[in-house]
Amino acid sequence: MTTVYDFTATRLDGREQSLGDYRGRVLLIVNTASACGFTPQYAGLQALHEKLEAEGLTVLGFPCNQFGAQEPGSETEIGAFCSTNYGVTFPMFAKIEVNGEGAHPLFKFLKSEKAGILGSEAIKWNFTKFLVDRNGQVVGRHAPQAKPEDLEKPVRELLYAS
């Protein structure tokens, strides 16, 4: 059975990272953008990551420029923006596509596991969030409007599931 642990992705610094390195952790995987109306959610994502990291949560950010060209910068610029403006310390990955032929394999998998509204797999906008349990299974998909702080309860439920 395929899990998120079967995928790799490139970090902002160009290093390949196996998602298997996060085995046993609850993951919140988010497609992000630096010039979006939802960009302030970086603060909430960072707060959630800090609050629950020691208990087993890791937030993973995947910049994407497919929605209104709202992530035009280079990996270096994205990293500087996130660090300077929001103090982001959670893992950030290189810019990817989440829809279409060029979609990153991880996001093809996430979308196939948890469809959106009316069964649509396509991601509609930046800051769509996928919640993954400690076994690497996709258990939730949350719209861009879902605030990170509103996800604390479902994250805690996964952290303390037996």
Protein backbone atom coordinates (compact mmCIF):
# COMPACT_ATOMS: atom_id res chain seq x y z
CA MET A 1 0.00 0.00 0.00
CA THR A 2 1.35 3.42 -0.96
CA THR A 3 1.86 6.02 1.78
CA VAL A 4 3.36 9.51 1.83
CA TYR A 5 6.58 7.85 3.01
CA ASP A 6 7.09 6.46 -0.50
CA PHE A 7 7.79 9.93 -1.94
CA THR A 8 10.77 12.25 -2.07
CA ALA A 9 10.86 15.99 -2.64
CA THR A 10 13.52 18.65 -3.04
CA ARG A 11 14.09 21.05 -0.14
CA LEU A 12 14.57 24.80 -0.69
CA ASP A 13 18.32 24.27 -0.45
CA GLY A 14 18.27 21.71 -3.28
CA ARG A 15 18.70 18.59 -1.13
CA GLU A 16 16.49 15.59 -1.86
CA GLN A 17 14.43 14.57 1.18
CA SER A 18 12.64 11.27 1.63
CA LEU A 19 9.28 11.73 3.29
CA GLY A 20 10.10 8.41 4.93
CA ASP A 21 12.25 10.51 7.26
CA TYR A 22 8.96 11.64 8.85
CA ARG A 23 7.73 8.09 9.52
CA GLY A 24 5.74 7.94 12.76
CA ARG A 25 4.88 11.66 12.76
CA VAL A 26 1.58 13.38 12.02
CA LEU A 27 2.04 15.59 8.96
CA LEU A 28 0.23 18.69 7.78
CA ILE A 29 1.20 19.13 4.12
CA VAL A 30 0.37 22.54 2.63
CA ASN A 31 0.80 24.14 -0.80
CA THR A 32 1.93 27.68 -0.03
CA ALA A 33 2.50 31.03 -1.72
CA SER A 34 4.19 34.26 -0.62
CA ALA A 35 1.85 36.79 -2.27
CA CYS A 36 -1.58 35.35 -1.55
CA GLY A 37 -4.45 36.58 0.60
CA PHE A 38 -3.90 33.44 2.68
CA THR A 39 -0.14 34.05 3.10
CA PRO A 40 -0.63 35.24 6.73
CA GLN A 41 -1.53 31.60 7.48
CA TYR A 42 2.24 31.02 7.61
CA ALA A 43 2.06 32.50 11.13
CA GLY A 44 -0.63 30.03 12.18
CA LEU A 45 1.17 27.11 10.57
CA GLN A 46 4.37 28.05 12.39
CA ALA A 47 2.51 28.44 15.71
CA LEU A 48 0.85 25.02 15.29
CA HIS A 49 4.19 23.46 14.35
CA GLU A 50 5.92 24.95 17.40
CA LYS A 51 3.09 24.03 19.75
CA LEU A 52 2.83 20.38 18.71
CA GLU A 53 6.22 19.49 17.20
CA ALA A 54 7.47 17.83 20.38
CA GLU A 55 4.29 15.74 20.47
CA GLY A 56 4.82 14.47 16.92
CA LEU A 57 3.51 17.03 14.39
CA THR A 58 5.51 18.28 11.42
CA VAL A 59 4.19 20.90 9.01
CA LEU A 60 5.60 20.60 5.47
CA GLY A 61 5.36 23.60 3.11
CA PHE A 62 5.35 23.23 -0.69
CA PRO A 63 5.45 26.58 -2.54
CA CYS A 64 3.42 26.66 -5.76
CA ASN A 65 3.06 29.36 -8.43
CA GLN A 66 0.03 27.86 -10.22
CA PHE A 67 -2.60 30.13 -8.66
CA GLY A 68 -2.47 33.73 -9.80
CA ALA A 69 1.35 33.58 -10.07
CA GLN A 70 1.46 34.28 -6.32
CA GLU A 71 4.78 32.51 -5.74
CA PRO A 72 7.09 34.07 -8.35
CA GLY A 73 10.32 34.03 -6.33
CA SER A 74 13.28 31.68 -6.36
CA GLU A 75 13.82 29.09 -3.65
CA THR A 76 16.27 31.46 -1.95
CA GLU A 77 13.74 34.30 -2.03
CA ILE A 78 10.96 32.04 -0.73
CA GLY A 79 13.11 30.86 2.17
CA ALA A 80 14.13 34.42 3.08
CA PHE A 81 10.52 35.63 2.89
CA CYS A 82 9.21 32.84 5.12
CA SER A 83 11.98 33.22 7.67
CA THR A 84 12.01 37.02 7.80
CA ASN A 85 8.25 37.62 7.78
CA TYR A 86 6.88 34.60 9.65
CA GLY A 87 9.83 32.97 11.43
CA VAL A 88 9.14 29.70 9.61
CA THR A 89 11.21 26.82 10.93
CA PHE A 90 9.15 23.92 9.59
CA PRO A 91 10.51 22.15 6.49
CA MET A 92 9.99 24.04 3.25
CA PHE A 93 10.42 22.43 -0.13
CA ALA A 94 11.28 23.68 -3.61
CA LYS A 95 8.54 25.18 -5.74
CA ILE A 96 6.30 22.55 -7.33
CA GLU A 97 3.12 22.21 -9.36
CA VAL A 98 0.13 20.63 -7.65
CA ASN A 99 -2.24 20.28 -10.64
CA GLY A 100 -1.90 19.17 -14.24
CA GLU A 101 0.60 16.99 -16.06
CA GLY A 102 3.54 18.51 -14.17
CA ALA A 103 2.03 17.94 -10.71
CA HIS A 104 4.49 16.58 -8.16
CA PRO A 105 3.88 12.84 -7.54
CA LEU A 106 3.26 13.51 -3.84
CA PHE A 107 0.40 15.88 -4.66
CA LYS A 108 -1.03 13.48 -7.25
CA PHE A 109 -1.13 10.91 -4.44
CA LEU A 110 -2.59 13.30 -1.85
CA LYS A 111 -5.38 14.38 -4.22
CA SER A 112 -6.21 10.79 -5.20
CA GLU A 113 -6.48 9.83 -1.52
CA LYS A 114 -8.67 12.76 -0.46
CA ALA A 115 -10.79 14.44 -3.09
CA GLY A 116 -12.11 17.92 -2.57
CA ILE A 117 -15.61 19.32 -2.84
CA LEU A 118 -17.96 17.30 -5.05
CA GLY A 119 -15.25 14.69 -5.56
CA SER A 120 -12.92 17.00 -7.47
CA GLU A 121 -9.27 16.08 -7.09
CA ALA A 122 -7.91 19.41 -8.38
CA ILE A 123 -6.51 21.77 -5.80
CA LYS A 124 -8.43 25.02 -6.10
CA TRP A 125 -6.01 27.51 -4.49
CA ASN A 126 -2.98 28.10 -2.29
CA PHE A 127 -2.95 26.83 1.29
CA THR A 128 -4.93 23.64 0.73
CA LYS A 129 -3.96 21.40 3.65
CA PHE A 130 -3.64 17.61 3.81
CA LEU A 131 -3.55 15.88 7.18
CA VAL A 132 -1.57 12.62 7.35
CA ASP A 133 -1.59 10.15 10.24
CA ARG A 134 1.44 8.49 11.84
CA ASN A 135 1.15 5.59 9.36
CA GLY A 136 1.50 7.86 6.32
CA GLN A 137 -2.18 7.65 5.39
CA VAL A 138 -4.01 10.75 4.17
CA VAL A 139 -6.92 11.27 6.58
CA GLY A 140 -8.08 14.81 5.85
CA ARG A 141 -8.16 17.57 3.27
CA HIS A 142 -8.88 21.13 4.32
CA ALA A 143 -9.71 24.11 2.12
CA PRO A 144 -7.53 27.23 2.01
CA GLN A 145 -10.05 29.02 4.23
CA ALA A 146 -9.43 26.53 7.06
CA LYS A 147 -7.24 28.37 9.54
CA PRO A 148 -4.28 26.45 10.96
CA GLU A 149 -5.50 27.04 14.52
CA ASP A 150 -8.80 25.34 13.60
CA LEU A 151 -6.84 22.18 12.74
CA GLU A 152 -5.38 21.76 16.23
CA LYS A 153 -8.22 19.47 17.37
CA PRO A 154 -7.97 16.98 14.46
CA VAL A 155 -4.17 17.07 14.72
CA ARG A 156 -4.32 16.29 18.46
CA GLU A 157 -6.75 13.44 17.78
CA LEU A 158 -4.18 11.89 15.43
CA LEU A 159 -1.31 12.55 17.83
CA TYR A 160 -3.07 10.66 20.62
CA ALA A 161 -4.78 7.92 18.60
CA SER A 162 -3.80 4.49 19.80
